mmCIF file of all heavy atoms, coordinates in Angstrom:
data_MODEL
# 
_entry.id   MODEL 
# 
loop_
_atom_site.group_PDB 
_atom_site.id 
_atom_site.type_symbol 
_atom_site.label_atom_id 
_atom_site.label_alt_id 
_atom_site.label_comp_id 
_atom_site.label_asym_id 
_atom_site.label_entity_id 
_atom_site.label_seq_id 
_atom_site.pdbx_PDB_ins_code 
_atom_site.Cartn_x 
_atom_site.Cartn_y 
_atom_site.Cartn_z 
_atom_site.occupancy 
_atom_site.B_iso_or_equiv 
_atom_site.pdbx_formal_charge 
_atom_site.auth_seq_id 
_atom_site.auth_comp_id 
_atom_site.auth_asym_id 
_atom_site.auth_atom_id 
_atom_site.pdbx_PDB_model_num 
ATOM 1   N N   . PRO A 1 1  ? -1.778  3.953  66.503 1.00 0.00 ? 1  PRO A N   1 
ATOM 2   C CA  . PRO A 1 1  ? -0.800  3.835  67.608 1.00 0.00 ? 1  PRO A CA  1 
ATOM 3   C C   . PRO A 1 1  ? 0.503   4.488  67.419 1.00 0.00 ? 1  PRO A C   1 
ATOM 4   O O   . PRO A 1 1  ? 1.344   4.356  68.218 1.00 0.00 ? 1  PRO A O   1 
ATOM 5   C CB  . PRO A 1 1  ? -0.685  2.312  67.744 1.00 0.00 ? 1  PRO A CB  1 
ATOM 6   C CG  . PRO A 1 1  ? -0.860  1.762  66.392 1.00 0.00 ? 1  PRO A CG  1 
ATOM 7   C CD  . PRO A 1 1  ? -1.943  2.710  65.788 1.00 0.00 ? 1  PRO A CD  1 
ATOM 8   N N   . ASP A 1 2  ? 0.705   5.164  66.309 1.00 0.00 ? 2  ASP A N   1 
ATOM 9   C CA  . ASP A 1 2  ? 1.985   5.602  65.850 1.00 0.00 ? 2  ASP A CA  1 
ATOM 10  C C   . ASP A 1 2  ? 2.655   6.534  66.865 1.00 0.00 ? 2  ASP A C   1 
ATOM 11  O O   . ASP A 1 2  ? 3.894   6.299  67.227 1.00 0.00 ? 2  ASP A O   1 
ATOM 12  C CB  . ASP A 1 2  ? 1.896   6.425  64.570 1.00 0.00 ? 2  ASP A CB  1 
ATOM 13  C CG  . ASP A 1 2  ? 1.359   5.612  63.468 1.00 0.00 ? 2  ASP A CG  1 
ATOM 14  O OD1 . ASP A 1 2  ? 0.455   4.803  63.608 1.00 0.00 ? 2  ASP A OD1 1 
ATOM 15  O OD2 . ASP A 1 2  ? 1.927   5.641  62.289 1.00 0.00 ? 2  ASP A OD2 1 
ATOM 16  N N   . SER A 1 3  ? 1.923   7.445  67.569 1.00 0.00 ? 3  SER A N   1 
ATOM 17  C CA  . SER A 1 3  ? 2.485   8.363  68.458 1.00 0.00 ? 3  SER A CA  1 
ATOM 18  C C   . SER A 1 3  ? 2.856   7.643  69.740 1.00 0.00 ? 3  SER A C   1 
ATOM 19  O O   . SER A 1 3  ? 3.923   7.916  70.381 1.00 0.00 ? 3  SER A O   1 
ATOM 20  C CB  . SER A 1 3  ? 1.575   9.516  68.801 1.00 0.00 ? 3  SER A CB  1 
ATOM 21  O OG  . SER A 1 3  ? 0.282   9.057  69.288 1.00 0.00 ? 3  SER A OG  1 
ATOM 22  N N   . VAL A 1 4  ? 2.117   6.604  70.076 1.00 0.00 ? 4  VAL A N   1 
ATOM 23  C CA  . VAL A 1 4  ? 2.408   5.746  71.254 1.00 0.00 ? 4  VAL A CA  1 
ATOM 24  C C   . VAL A 1 4  ? 3.742   4.948  70.973 1.00 0.00 ? 4  VAL A C   1 
ATOM 25  O O   . VAL A 1 4  ? 4.623   4.958  71.908 1.00 0.00 ? 4  VAL A O   1 
ATOM 26  C CB  . VAL A 1 4  ? 1.328   4.894  71.625 1.00 0.00 ? 4  VAL A CB  1 
ATOM 27  C CG1 . VAL A 1 4  ? 1.705   3.876  72.720 1.00 0.00 ? 4  VAL A CG1 1 
ATOM 28  C CG2 . VAL A 1 4  ? 0.068   5.631  72.047 1.00 0.00 ? 4  VAL A CG2 1 
ATOM 29  N N   . PHE A 1 5  ? 3.796   4.411  69.823 1.00 0.00 ? 5  PHE A N   1 
ATOM 30  C CA  . PHE A 1 5  ? 5.026   3.636  69.551 1.00 0.00 ? 5  PHE A CA  1 
ATOM 31  C C   . PHE A 1 5  ? 6.284   4.513  69.407 1.00 0.00 ? 5  PHE A C   1 
ATOM 32  O O   . PHE A 1 5  ? 7.344   4.203  69.905 1.00 0.00 ? 5  PHE A O   1 
ATOM 33  C CB  . PHE A 1 5  ? 4.847   2.902  68.206 1.00 0.00 ? 5  PHE A CB  1 
ATOM 34  C CG  . PHE A 1 5  ? 3.907   1.707  68.317 1.00 0.00 ? 5  PHE A CG  1 
ATOM 35  C CD1 . PHE A 1 5  ? 3.151   1.355  67.119 1.00 0.00 ? 5  PHE A CD1 1 
ATOM 36  C CD2 . PHE A 1 5  ? 3.682   1.043  69.379 1.00 0.00 ? 5  PHE A CD2 1 
ATOM 37  C CE1 . PHE A 1 5  ? 2.223   0.366  67.260 1.00 0.00 ? 5  PHE A CE1 1 
ATOM 38  C CE2 . PHE A 1 5  ? 2.680   0.057  69.443 1.00 0.00 ? 5  PHE A CE2 1 
ATOM 39  C CZ  . PHE A 1 5  ? 2.004   -0.302 68.349 1.00 0.00 ? 5  PHE A CZ  1 
ATOM 40  N N   . ALA A 1 6  ? 6.068   5.673  68.900 1.00 0.00 ? 6  ALA A N   1 
ATOM 41  C CA  . ALA A 1 6  ? 7.176   6.771  68.916 1.00 0.00 ? 6  ALA A CA  1 
ATOM 42  C C   . ALA A 1 6  ? 7.627   7.134  70.177 1.00 0.00 ? 6  ALA A C   1 
ATOM 43  O O   . ALA A 1 6  ? 8.885   7.230  70.552 1.00 0.00 ? 6  ALA A O   1 
ATOM 44  C CB  . ALA A 1 6  ? 6.811   7.913  68.079 1.00 0.00 ? 6  ALA A CB  1 
ATOM 45  N N   . ALA A 1 7  ? 6.712   7.291  71.138 1.00 0.00 ? 7  ALA A N   1 
ATOM 46  C CA  . ALA A 1 7  ? 7.081   7.582  72.550 1.00 0.00 ? 7  ALA A CA  1 
ATOM 47  C C   . ALA A 1 7  ? 7.813   6.428  73.226 1.00 0.00 ? 7  ALA A C   1 
ATOM 48  O O   . ALA A 1 7  ? 8.894   6.652  73.848 1.00 0.00 ? 7  ALA A O   1 
ATOM 49  C CB  . ALA A 1 7  ? 5.842   7.925  73.349 1.00 0.00 ? 7  ALA A CB  1 
ATOM 50  N N   . MET A 1 8  ? 7.344   5.162  72.954 1.00 0.00 ? 8  MET A N   1 
ATOM 51  C CA  . MET A 1 8  ? 8.015   4.073  73.473 1.00 0.00 ? 8  MET A CA  1 
ATOM 52  C C   . MET A 1 8  ? 9.423   3.938  72.949 1.00 0.00 ? 8  MET A C   1 
ATOM 53  O O   . MET A 1 8  ? 10.352  3.724  73.752 1.00 0.00 ? 8  MET A O   1 
ATOM 54  C CB  . MET A 1 8  ? 7.269   2.720  73.083 1.00 0.00 ? 8  MET A CB  1 
ATOM 55  C CG  . MET A 1 8  ? 6.006   2.525  73.719 1.00 0.00 ? 8  MET A CG  1 
ATOM 56  S SD  . MET A 1 8  ? 5.205   0.986  73.009 1.00 0.00 ? 8  MET A SD  1 
ATOM 57  C CE  . MET A 1 8  ? 3.607   1.083  73.668 1.00 0.00 ? 8  MET A CE  1 
ATOM 58  N N   . LYS A 1 9  ? 9.572   4.245  71.734 1.00 0.00 ? 9  LYS A N   1 
ATOM 59  C CA  . LYS A 1 9  ? 10.920  4.156  71.153 1.00 0.00 ? 9  LYS A CA  1 
ATOM 60  C C   . LYS A 1 9  ? 11.912  5.132  71.792 1.00 0.00 ? 9  LYS A C   1 
ATOM 61  O O   . LYS A 1 9  ? 13.032  4.846  72.181 1.00 0.00 ? 9  LYS A O   1 
ATOM 62  C CB  . LYS A 1 9  ? 10.916  4.390  69.589 1.00 0.00 ? 9  LYS A CB  1 
ATOM 63  C CG  . LYS A 1 9  ? 12.227  4.295  68.839 1.00 0.00 ? 9  LYS A CG  1 
ATOM 64  C CD  . LYS A 1 9  ? 11.998  4.391  67.352 1.00 0.00 ? 9  LYS A CD  1 
ATOM 65  C CE  . LYS A 1 9  ? 13.322  4.233  66.605 1.00 0.00 ? 9  LYS A CE  1 
ATOM 66  N NZ  . LYS A 1 9  ? 13.204  4.438  65.120 1.00 0.00 ? 9  LYS A NZ  1 
ATOM 67  N N   . GLU A 1 10 ? 11.359  6.426  72.004 1.00 0.00 ? 10 GLU A N   1 
ATOM 68  C CA  . GLU A 1 10 ? 12.275  7.495  72.676 1.00 0.00 ? 10 GLU A CA  1 
ATOM 69  C C   . GLU A 1 10 ? 12.596  7.153  74.094 1.00 0.00 ? 10 GLU A C   1 
ATOM 70  O O   . GLU A 1 10 ? 13.622  7.443  74.518 1.00 0.00 ? 10 GLU A O   1 
ATOM 71  C CB  . GLU A 1 10 ? 11.636  8.760  72.525 1.00 0.00 ? 10 GLU A CB  1 
ATOM 72  C CG  . GLU A 1 10 ? 11.470  9.470  71.134 1.00 0.00 ? 10 GLU A CG  1 
ATOM 73  C CD  . GLU A 1 10 ? 11.127  10.846 71.139 1.00 0.00 ? 10 GLU A CD  1 
ATOM 74  O OE1 . GLU A 1 10 ? 11.623  11.619 72.104 1.00 0.00 ? 10 GLU A OE1 1 
ATOM 75  O OE2 . GLU A 1 10 ? 10.317  11.338 70.262 1.00 0.00 ? 10 GLU A OE2 1 
ATOM 76  N N   . LEU A 1 11 ? 11.697  6.327  74.702 1.00 0.00 ? 11 LEU A N   1 
ATOM 77  C CA  . LEU A 1 11 ? 11.893  6.067  76.069 1.00 0.00 ? 11 LEU A CA  1 
ATOM 78  C C   . LEU A 1 11 ? 12.617  4.713  76.292 1.00 0.00 ? 11 LEU A C   1 
ATOM 79  O O   . LEU A 1 11 ? 12.803  4.230  77.422 1.00 0.00 ? 11 LEU A O   1 
ATOM 80  C CB  . LEU A 1 11 ? 10.574  5.966  76.788 1.00 0.00 ? 11 LEU A CB  1 
ATOM 81  C CG  . LEU A 1 11 ? 9.804   7.361  77.045 1.00 0.00 ? 11 LEU A CG  1 
ATOM 82  C CD1 . LEU A 1 11 ? 8.453   7.129  77.588 1.00 0.00 ? 11 LEU A CD1 1 
ATOM 83  C CD2 . LEU A 1 11 ? 10.695  8.274  77.968 1.00 0.00 ? 11 LEU A CD2 1 
ATOM 84  N N   . HIS A 1 12 ? 12.954  4.077  75.094 1.00 0.00 ? 12 HIS A N   1 
ATOM 85  C CA  . HIS A 1 12 ? 13.521  2.743  75.159 1.00 0.00 ? 12 HIS A CA  1 
ATOM 86  C C   . HIS A 1 12 ? 12.650  1.684  75.933 1.00 0.00 ? 12 HIS A C   1 
ATOM 87  O O   . HIS A 1 12 ? 13.212  1.020  76.740 1.00 0.00 ? 12 HIS A O   1 
ATOM 88  C CB  . HIS A 1 12 ? 14.925  2.819  75.704 1.00 0.00 ? 12 HIS A CB  1 
ATOM 89  C CG  . HIS A 1 12 ? 15.905  3.819  75.101 1.00 0.00 ? 12 HIS A CG  1 
ATOM 90  N ND1 . HIS A 1 12 ? 16.325  3.670  73.855 1.00 0.00 ? 12 HIS A ND1 1 
ATOM 91  C CD2 . HIS A 1 12 ? 16.272  5.057  75.383 1.00 0.00 ? 12 HIS A CD2 1 
ATOM 92  C CE1 . HIS A 1 12 ? 17.109  4.643  73.487 1.00 0.00 ? 12 HIS A CE1 1 
ATOM 93  N NE2 . HIS A 1 12 ? 17.050  5.548  74.455 1.00 0.00 ? 12 HIS A NE2 1 
ATOM 94  N N   . SER A 1 13 ? 11.459  1.837  75.579 1.00 0.00 ? 13 SER A N   1 
ATOM 95  C CA  . SER A 1 13 ? 10.457  0.757  76.268 1.00 0.00 ? 13 SER A CA  1 
ATOM 96  C C   . SER A 1 13 ? 9.760   0.062  75.130 1.00 0.00 ? 13 SER A C   1 
ATOM 97  O O   . SER A 1 13 ? 9.957   0.122  73.969 1.00 0.00 ? 13 SER A O   1 
ATOM 98  C CB  . SER A 1 13 ? 9.472   1.579  77.133 1.00 0.00 ? 13 SER A CB  1 
ATOM 99  O OG  . SER A 1 13 ? 8.700   0.830  77.785 1.00 0.00 ? 13 SER A OG  1 
ATOM 100 N N   . ASP A 1 14 ? 8.721   -0.720 75.549 1.00 0.00 ? 14 ASP A N   1 
ATOM 101 C CA  . ASP A 1 14 ? 7.894   -1.522 74.611 1.00 0.00 ? 14 ASP A CA  1 
ATOM 102 C C   . ASP A 1 14 ? 6.475   -1.664 75.123 1.00 0.00 ? 14 ASP A C   1 
ATOM 103 O O   . ASP A 1 14 ? 6.158   -1.366 76.316 1.00 0.00 ? 14 ASP A O   1 
ATOM 104 C CB  . ASP A 1 14 ? 8.479   -2.759 74.255 1.00 0.00 ? 14 ASP A CB  1 
ATOM 105 C CG  . ASP A 1 14 ? 8.853   -3.693 75.440 1.00 0.00 ? 14 ASP A CG  1 
ATOM 106 O OD1 . ASP A 1 14 ? 8.012   -3.684 76.415 1.00 0.00 ? 14 ASP A OD1 1 
ATOM 107 O OD2 . ASP A 1 14 ? 9.873   -4.314 75.492 1.00 0.00 ? 14 ASP A OD2 1 
ATOM 108 N N   . ALA A 1 15 ? 5.647   -2.338 74.381 1.00 0.00 ? 15 ALA A N   1 
ATOM 109 C CA  . ALA A 1 15 ? 4.244   -2.504 74.769 1.00 0.00 ? 15 ALA A CA  1 
ATOM 110 C C   . ALA A 1 15 ? 4.027   -3.335 76.009 1.00 0.00 ? 15 ALA A C   1 
ATOM 111 O O   . ALA A 1 15 ? 3.122   -3.123 76.753 1.00 0.00 ? 15 ALA A O   1 
ATOM 112 C CB  . ALA A 1 15 ? 3.422   -3.071 73.612 1.00 0.00 ? 15 ALA A CB  1 
ATOM 113 N N   . ALA A 1 16 ? 5.001   -4.282 76.170 1.00 0.00 ? 16 ALA A N   1 
ATOM 114 C CA  . ALA A 1 16 ? 4.792   -5.238 77.309 1.00 0.00 ? 16 ALA A CA  1 
ATOM 115 C C   . ALA A 1 16 ? 5.143   -4.458 78.638 1.00 0.00 ? 16 ALA A C   1 
ATOM 116 O O   . ALA A 1 16 ? 4.672   -5.081 79.677 1.00 0.00 ? 16 ALA A O   1 
ATOM 117 C CB  . ALA A 1 16 ? 5.826   -6.364 77.131 1.00 0.00 ? 16 ALA A CB  1 
ATOM 118 N N   . HIS A 1 17 ? 5.685   -3.305 78.608 1.00 0.00 ? 17 HIS A N   1 
ATOM 119 C CA  . HIS A 1 17 ? 6.013   -2.601 79.860 1.00 0.00 ? 17 HIS A CA  1 
ATOM 120 C C   . HIS A 1 17 ? 5.305   -1.275 79.965 1.00 0.00 ? 17 HIS A C   1 
ATOM 121 O O   . HIS A 1 17 ? 5.722   -0.408 80.757 1.00 0.00 ? 17 HIS A O   1 
ATOM 122 C CB  . HIS A 1 17 ? 7.437   -2.372 79.950 1.00 0.00 ? 17 HIS A CB  1 
ATOM 123 C CG  . HIS A 1 17 ? 8.286   -3.685 79.957 1.00 0.00 ? 17 HIS A CG  1 
ATOM 124 N ND1 . HIS A 1 17 ? 8.727   -4.382 78.820 1.00 0.00 ? 17 HIS A ND1 1 
ATOM 125 C CD2 . HIS A 1 17 ? 8.625   -4.551 81.081 1.00 0.00 ? 17 HIS A CD2 1 
ATOM 126 C CE1 . HIS A 1 17 ? 9.334   -5.413 79.182 1.00 0.00 ? 17 HIS A CE1 1 
ATOM 127 N NE2 . HIS A 1 17 ? 9.296   -5.597 80.517 1.00 0.00 ? 17 HIS A NE2 1 
ATOM 128 N N   . SER A 1 18 ? 4.307   -0.995 79.173 1.00 0.00 ? 18 SER A N   1 
ATOM 129 C CA  . SER A 1 18 ? 3.707   0.311  79.034 1.00 0.00 ? 18 SER A CA  1 
ATOM 130 C C   . SER A 1 18 ? 2.180   0.261  79.317 1.00 0.00 ? 18 SER A C   1 
ATOM 131 O O   . SER A 1 18 ? 1.517   -0.675 79.202 1.00 0.00 ? 18 SER A O   1 
ATOM 132 C CB  . SER A 1 18 ? 3.819   0.834  77.611 1.00 0.00 ? 18 SER A CB  1 
ATOM 133 O OG  . SER A 1 18 ? 5.291   1.024  77.359 1.00 0.00 ? 18 SER A OG  1 
ATOM 134 N N   . ILE A 1 19 ? 1.628   1.471  79.793 1.00 0.00 ? 19 ILE A N   1 
ATOM 135 C CA  . ILE A 1 19 ? 0.231   1.618  80.027 1.00 0.00 ? 19 ILE A CA  1 
ATOM 136 C C   . ILE A 1 19 ? -0.120  3.019  79.502 1.00 0.00 ? 19 ILE A C   1 
ATOM 137 O O   . ILE A 1 19 ? 0.788   3.966  79.599 1.00 0.00 ? 19 ILE A O   1 
ATOM 138 C CB  . ILE A 1 19 ? -0.127  1.401  81.448 1.00 0.00 ? 19 ILE A CB  1 
ATOM 139 C CG1 . ILE A 1 19 ? -1.649  1.259  81.739 1.00 0.00 ? 19 ILE A CG1 1 
ATOM 140 C CG2 . ILE A 1 19 ? 0.487   2.572  82.375 1.00 0.00 ? 19 ILE A CG2 1 
ATOM 141 C CD1 . ILE A 1 19 ? -2.026  0.740  83.018 1.00 0.00 ? 19 ILE A CD1 1 
ATOM 142 N N   . TYR A 1 20 ? -1.329  3.203  79.171 1.00 0.00 ? 20 TYR A N   1 
ATOM 143 C CA  . TYR A 1 20 ? -1.788  4.494  78.582 1.00 0.00 ? 20 TYR A CA  1 
ATOM 144 C C   . TYR A 1 20 ? -2.876  5.063  79.545 1.00 0.00 ? 20 TYR A C   1 
ATOM 145 O O   . TYR A 1 20 ? -3.683  4.343  80.168 1.00 0.00 ? 20 TYR A O   1 
ATOM 146 C CB  . TYR A 1 20 ? -2.365  4.237  77.206 1.00 0.00 ? 20 TYR A CB  1 
ATOM 147 C CG  . TYR A 1 20 ? -2.674  5.560  76.402 1.00 0.00 ? 20 TYR A CG  1 
ATOM 148 C CD1 . TYR A 1 20 ? -1.724  6.034  75.610 1.00 0.00 ? 20 TYR A CD1 1 
ATOM 149 C CD2 . TYR A 1 20 ? -3.945  6.140  76.609 1.00 0.00 ? 20 TYR A CD2 1 
ATOM 150 C CE1 . TYR A 1 20 ? -2.055  7.221  74.900 1.00 0.00 ? 20 TYR A CE1 1 
ATOM 151 C CE2 . TYR A 1 20 ? -4.252  7.248  75.886 1.00 0.00 ? 20 TYR A CE2 1 
ATOM 152 C CZ  . TYR A 1 20 ? -3.222  7.754  74.978 1.00 0.00 ? 20 TYR A CZ  1 
ATOM 153 O OH  . TYR A 1 20 ? -3.630  9.045  74.347 1.00 0.00 ? 20 TYR A OH  1 
ATOM 154 N N   . VAL A 1 21 ? -2.860  6.440  79.601 1.00 0.00 ? 21 VAL A N   1 
ATOM 155 C CA  . VAL A 1 21 ? -3.826  7.201  80.456 1.00 0.00 ? 21 VAL A CA  1 
ATOM 156 C C   . VAL A 1 21 ? -4.491  8.267  79.654 1.00 0.00 ? 21 VAL A C   1 
ATOM 157 O O   . VAL A 1 21 ? -3.774  9.070  79.072 1.00 0.00 ? 21 VAL A O   1 
ATOM 158 C CB  . VAL A 1 21 ? -3.089  7.756  81.629 1.00 0.00 ? 21 VAL A CB  1 
ATOM 159 C CG1 . VAL A 1 21 ? -4.222  8.541  82.488 1.00 0.00 ? 21 VAL A CG1 1 
ATOM 160 C CG2 . VAL A 1 21 ? -2.299  6.698  82.510 1.00 0.00 ? 21 VAL A CG2 1 
ATOM 161 N N   . GLY A 1 22 ? -5.777  8.212  79.493 1.00 0.00 ? 22 GLY A N   1 
ATOM 162 C CA  . GLY A 1 22 ? -6.429  9.208  78.747 1.00 0.00 ? 22 GLY A CA  1 
ATOM 163 C C   . GLY A 1 22 ? -7.863  9.394  79.155 1.00 0.00 ? 22 GLY A C   1 
ATOM 164 O O   . GLY A 1 22 ? -8.411  8.726  80.121 1.00 0.00 ? 22 GLY A O   1 
ATOM 165 N N   . ASP A 1 23 ? -8.589  10.410 78.563 1.00 0.00 ? 23 ASP A N   1 
ATOM 166 C CA  . ASP A 1 23 ? -9.970  10.740 79.002 1.00 0.00 ? 23 ASP A CA  1 
ATOM 167 C C   . ASP A 1 23 ? -11.101 10.536 77.923 1.00 0.00 ? 23 ASP A C   1 
ATOM 168 O O   . ASP A 1 23 ? -12.143 10.862 78.150 1.00 0.00 ? 23 ASP A O   1 
ATOM 169 C CB  . ASP A 1 23 ? -9.963  12.201 79.324 1.00 0.00 ? 23 ASP A CB  1 
ATOM 170 C CG  . ASP A 1 23 ? -9.852  13.151 78.169 1.00 0.00 ? 23 ASP A CG  1 
ATOM 171 O OD1 . ASP A 1 23 ? -8.954  13.009 77.384 1.00 0.00 ? 23 ASP A OD1 1 
ATOM 172 O OD2 . ASP A 1 23 ? -10.789 14.017 77.998 1.00 0.00 ? 23 ASP A OD2 1 
ATOM 173 N N   . SER A 1 24 ? -10.726 9.827  76.830 1.00 0.00 ? 24 SER A N   1 
ATOM 174 C CA  . SER A 1 24 ? -11.648 9.812  75.803 1.00 0.00 ? 24 SER A CA  1 
ATOM 175 C C   . SER A 1 24 ? -11.769 8.340  75.058 1.00 0.00 ? 24 SER A C   1 
ATOM 176 O O   . SER A 1 24 ? -10.951 7.524  75.342 1.00 0.00 ? 24 SER A O   1 
ATOM 177 C CB  . SER A 1 24 ? -11.327 10.825 74.635 1.00 0.00 ? 24 SER A CB  1 
ATOM 178 O OG  . SER A 1 24 ? -10.258 10.343 73.836 1.00 0.00 ? 24 SER A OG  1 
ATOM 179 N N   . ASP A 1 25 ? -12.819 8.235  74.229 1.00 0.00 ? 25 ASP A N   1 
ATOM 180 C CA  . ASP A 1 25 ? -12.878 7.031  73.371 1.00 0.00 ? 25 ASP A CA  1 
ATOM 181 C C   . ASP A 1 25 ? -11.749 6.883  72.583 1.00 0.00 ? 25 ASP A C   1 
ATOM 182 O O   . ASP A 1 25 ? -11.345 5.767  72.194 1.00 0.00 ? 25 ASP A O   1 
ATOM 183 C CB  . ASP A 1 25 ? -14.291 7.096  72.635 1.00 0.00 ? 25 ASP A CB  1 
ATOM 184 C CG  . ASP A 1 25 ? -14.386 8.425  71.890 1.00 0.00 ? 25 ASP A CG  1 
ATOM 185 O OD1 . ASP A 1 25 ? -14.036 9.397  72.326 1.00 0.00 ? 25 ASP A OD1 1 
ATOM 186 O OD2 . ASP A 1 25 ? -14.927 8.281  70.723 1.00 0.00 ? 25 ASP A OD2 1 
ATOM 187 N N   . VAL A 1 26 ? -11.183 8.018  72.030 1.00 0.00 ? 26 VAL A N   1 
ATOM 188 C CA  . VAL A 1 26 ? -10.052 7.956  71.119 1.00 0.00 ? 26 VAL A CA  1 
ATOM 189 C C   . VAL A 1 26 ? -8.930  7.316  71.791 1.00 0.00 ? 26 VAL A C   1 
ATOM 190 O O   . VAL A 1 26 ? -8.048  6.606  71.327 1.00 0.00 ? 26 VAL A O   1 
ATOM 191 C CB  . VAL A 1 26 ? -9.645  9.292  70.672 1.00 0.00 ? 26 VAL A CB  1 
ATOM 192 C CG1 . VAL A 1 26 ? -8.339  9.391  69.893 1.00 0.00 ? 26 VAL A CG1 1 
ATOM 193 C CG2 . VAL A 1 26 ? -10.849 9.883  69.717 1.00 0.00 ? 26 VAL A CG2 1 
ATOM 194 N N   . ASP A 1 27 ? -8.742  7.643  73.129 1.00 0.00 ? 27 ASP A N   1 
ATOM 195 C CA  . ASP A 1 27 ? -7.575  7.214  73.902 1.00 0.00 ? 27 ASP A CA  1 
ATOM 196 C C   . ASP A 1 27 ? -7.847  5.749  74.187 1.00 0.00 ? 27 ASP A C   1 
ATOM 197 O O   . ASP A 1 27 ? -6.806  4.944  74.152 1.00 0.00 ? 27 ASP A O   1 
ATOM 198 C CB  . ASP A 1 27 ? -7.491  8.029  75.289 1.00 0.00 ? 27 ASP A CB  1 
ATOM 199 C CG  . ASP A 1 27 ? -7.131  9.411  75.011 1.00 0.00 ? 27 ASP A CG  1 
ATOM 200 O OD1 . ASP A 1 27 ? -6.219  9.517  74.264 1.00 0.00 ? 27 ASP A OD1 1 
ATOM 201 O OD2 . ASP A 1 27 ? -7.735  10.204 75.702 1.00 0.00 ? 27 ASP A OD2 1 
ATOM 202 N N   . ILE A 1 28 ? -8.956  5.213  74.410 1.00 0.00 ? 28 ILE A N   1 
ATOM 203 C CA  . ILE A 1 28 ? -9.257  3.828  74.646 1.00 0.00 ? 28 ILE A CA  1 
ATOM 204 C C   . ILE A 1 28 ? -8.870  3.005  73.303 1.00 0.00 ? 28 ILE A C   1 
ATOM 205 O O   . ILE A 1 28 ? -8.184  2.011  73.484 1.00 0.00 ? 28 ILE A O   1 
ATOM 206 C CB  . ILE A 1 28 ? -10.794 3.574  75.012 1.00 0.00 ? 28 ILE A CB  1 
ATOM 207 C CG1 . ILE A 1 28 ? -11.076 4.255  76.365 1.00 0.00 ? 28 ILE A CG1 1 
ATOM 208 C CG2 . ILE A 1 28 ? -11.115 2.084  74.996 1.00 0.00 ? 28 ILE A CG2 1 
ATOM 209 C CD1 . ILE A 1 28 ? -12.596 4.385  76.561 1.00 0.00 ? 28 ILE A CD1 1 
ATOM 210 N N   . GLN A 1 29 ? -9.341  3.569  72.253 1.00 0.00 ? 29 GLN A N   1 
ATOM 211 C CA  . GLN A 1 29 ? -8.969  2.866  71.008 1.00 0.00 ? 29 GLN A CA  1 
ATOM 212 C C   . GLN A 1 29 ? -7.474  2.895  70.662 1.00 0.00 ? 29 GLN A C   1 
ATOM 213 O O   . GLN A 1 29 ? -6.912  1.973  70.094 1.00 0.00 ? 29 GLN A O   1 
ATOM 214 C CB  . GLN A 1 29 ? -9.754  3.433  69.809 1.00 0.00 ? 29 GLN A CB  1 
ATOM 215 C CG  . GLN A 1 29 ? -9.742  2.669  68.586 1.00 0.00 ? 29 GLN A CG  1 
ATOM 216 C CD  . GLN A 1 29 ? -10.235 1.278  68.678 1.00 0.00 ? 29 GLN A CD  1 
ATOM 217 O OE1 . GLN A 1 29 ? -11.383 1.045  69.204 1.00 0.00 ? 29 GLN A OE1 1 
ATOM 218 N NE2 . GLN A 1 29 ? -9.496  0.273  68.291 1.00 0.00 ? 29 GLN A NE2 1 
ATOM 219 N N   . THR A 1 30 ? -6.870  4.034  70.999 1.00 0.00 ? 30 THR A N   1 
ATOM 220 C CA  . THR A 1 30 ? -5.348  4.195  70.789 1.00 0.00 ? 30 THR A CA  1 
ATOM 221 C C   . THR A 1 30 ? -4.605  3.113  71.564 1.00 0.00 ? 30 THR A C   1 
ATOM 222 O O   . THR A 1 30 ? -3.781  2.448  71.053 1.00 0.00 ? 30 THR A O   1 
ATOM 223 C CB  . THR A 1 30 ? -4.989  5.505  71.236 1.00 0.00 ? 30 THR A CB  1 
ATOM 224 O OG1 . THR A 1 30 ? -5.638  6.560  70.454 1.00 0.00 ? 30 THR A OG1 1 
ATOM 225 C CG2 . THR A 1 30 ? -3.457  5.743  71.019 1.00 0.00 ? 30 THR A CG2 1 
ATOM 226 N N   . ALA A 1 31 ? -5.002  2.943  72.937 1.00 0.00 ? 31 ALA A N   1 
ATOM 227 C CA  . ALA A 1 31 ? -4.390  1.940  73.658 1.00 0.00 ? 31 ALA A CA  1 
ATOM 228 C C   . ALA A 1 31 ? -4.577  0.482  73.099 1.00 0.00 ? 31 ALA A C   1 
ATOM 229 O O   . ALA A 1 31 ? -3.630  -0.305 73.105 1.00 0.00 ? 31 ALA A O   1 
ATOM 230 C CB  . ALA A 1 31 ? -4.820  2.068  75.100 1.00 0.00 ? 31 ALA A CB  1 
# 
């Protein structure tokens, strides 16, 4: 989840306010 957390940090957000959009099994597991 590192890249997702890095994005949240740059956007001043957190997991409670975020959603992920992807097209693969890797994306499902990442979220």
